Amino acid sequence: MNNKKEIIIGFIVGIIANTFGTLLYILLFSDLGIVETFNAAIDQGHIGSLLALGAILNLVAFFGFLRIKRDQRAKGVMLATLVTALVILLYKVMS
């Protein structure tokens, strides 16, 4: 299959895994609802930490793709993780 397409699939999987990881973290460890937790994280300046904890789920996707020999998809997951890190960095610099 086309390498570019495989990287895009991995990137999408990485973004979805990051989103699910963030939501899972909120549901497991927060007493507030999802929207209230996001608002509280923004108000307290912890949104970067919340997104970084959600990115932990990308490890599962990354190593899963490596295990089944889908290296290009693993690169896409890594790219999604780097994009998340850059978004967190920009947020921290801007605030």
Protein backbone atom coordinates (compact mmCIF):
# COMPACT_ATOMS: atom_id res chain seq x y z
CA MET A 1 0.00 0.00 0.00
CA ASN A 2 1.06 3.59 -0.53
CA ASN A 3 3.40 4.80 2.26
CA LYS A 4 1.78 8.23 2.45
CA LYS A 5 -1.65 6.66 2.95
CA GLU A 6 -0.28 4.39 5.69
CA ILE A 7 1.24 7.36 7.54
CA ILE A 8 -2.06 9.25 7.31
CA ILE A 9 -3.93 6.24 8.71
CA GLY A 10 -1.45 6.06 11.58
CA PHE A 11 -1.81 9.80 12.21
CA ILE A 12 -5.59 9.50 12.40
CA VAL A 13 -5.29 6.51 14.74
CA GLY A 14 -2.89 8.55 16.91
CA ILE A 15 -5.28 11.50 17.15
CA ILE A 16 -8.19 9.18 17.98
CA ALA A 17 -6.11 7.33 20.59
CA ASN A 18 -5.07 10.64 22.15
CA THR A 19 -8.70 11.79 22.29
CA PHE A 20 -9.87 8.52 23.84
CA GLY A 21 -6.95 8.58 26.27
CA THR A 22 -7.82 12.08 27.42
CA LEU A 23 -11.50 11.21 27.81
CA LEU A 24 -10.66 7.99 29.63
CA TYR A 25 -8.38 9.85 32.03
CA ILE A 26 -11.14 12.39 32.73
CA LEU A 27 -13.76 9.70 33.29
CA LEU A 28 -11.55 7.66 35.60
CA PHE A 29 -9.89 10.37 37.69
CA SER A 30 -12.12 13.44 37.66
CA ASP A 31 -15.14 14.07 39.85
CA LEU A 32 -16.40 16.63 37.33
CA GLY A 33 -17.95 16.06 33.93
CA ILE A 34 -15.96 16.18 30.71
CA VAL A 35 -16.74 19.81 29.82
CA GLU A 36 -16.30 20.98 33.41
CA THR A 37 -12.94 19.21 33.65
CA PHE A 38 -11.72 20.84 30.42
CA ASN A 39 -12.85 24.27 31.63
CA ALA A 40 -11.18 23.73 35.02
CA ALA A 41 -7.97 22.57 33.29
CA ILE A 42 -7.95 25.68 31.10
CA ASP A 43 -8.64 27.98 34.06
CA GLN A 44 -5.89 26.38 36.16
CA GLY A 45 -3.40 26.10 33.28
CA HIS A 46 -3.35 22.28 33.26
CA ILE A 47 -4.73 21.60 29.78
CA GLY A 48 -1.26 20.65 28.52
CA SER A 49 -0.89 18.06 31.27
CA LEU A 50 -4.33 16.68 30.49
CA LEU A 51 -3.47 16.28 26.78
CA ALA A 52 -0.09 14.75 27.60
CA LEU A 53 -1.69 12.16 29.86
CA GLY A 54 -4.15 11.35 27.07
CA ALA A 55 -1.23 10.78 24.69
CA ILE A 56 -0.07 7.82 26.78
CA LEU A 57 -2.64 5.71 24.93
CA ASN A 58 -0.62 6.38 21.76
CA LEU A 59 1.99 3.97 23.13
CA VAL A 60 -0.47 1.11 22.69
CA ALA A 61 -1.17 2.08 19.09
CA PHE A 62 2.51 2.69 18.31
CA PHE A 63 3.79 -0.62 19.67
CA GLY A 64 0.76 -2.45 18.30
CA PHE A 65 1.60 -1.26 14.79
CA LEU A 66 5.25 -2.17 15.26
CA ARG A 67 4.27 -5.63 16.48
CA ILE A 68 2.22 -6.36 13.33
CA LYS A 69 4.99 -4.88 11.12
CA ARG A 70 3.11 -1.74 10.10
CA ASP A 71 6.05 0.62 10.47
CA GLN A 72 4.55 3.43 8.35
CA ARG A 73 1.42 3.50 10.51
CA ALA A 74 3.63 3.60 13.61
CA LYS A 75 5.35 6.64 12.07
CA GLY A 76 1.93 8.26 11.68
CA VAL A 77 1.16 7.65 15.37
CA MET A 78 4.52 9.16 16.28
CA LEU A 79 3.72 12.17 14.09
CA ALA A 80 0.37 12.61 15.88
CA THR A 81 2.20 12.49 19.22
CA LEU A 82 4.68 15.12 18.05
CA VAL A 83 1.85 17.35 16.82
CA THR A 84 0.19 17.01 20.24
CA ALA A 85 3.48 17.97 21.91
CA LEU A 86 3.82 21.02 19.65
CA VAL A 87 0.24 22.09 20.42
CA ILE A 88 0.99 21.81 24.15
CA LEU A 89 4.21 23.78 23.70
CA LEU A 90 2.45 26.54 21.74
CA TYR A 91 -0.29 26.70 24.36
CA LYS A 92 2.27 27.04 27.14
CA VAL A 93 4.21 29.73 25.28
CA MET A 94 1.08 31.71 24.34
CA SER A 95 -0.36 31.74 27.86
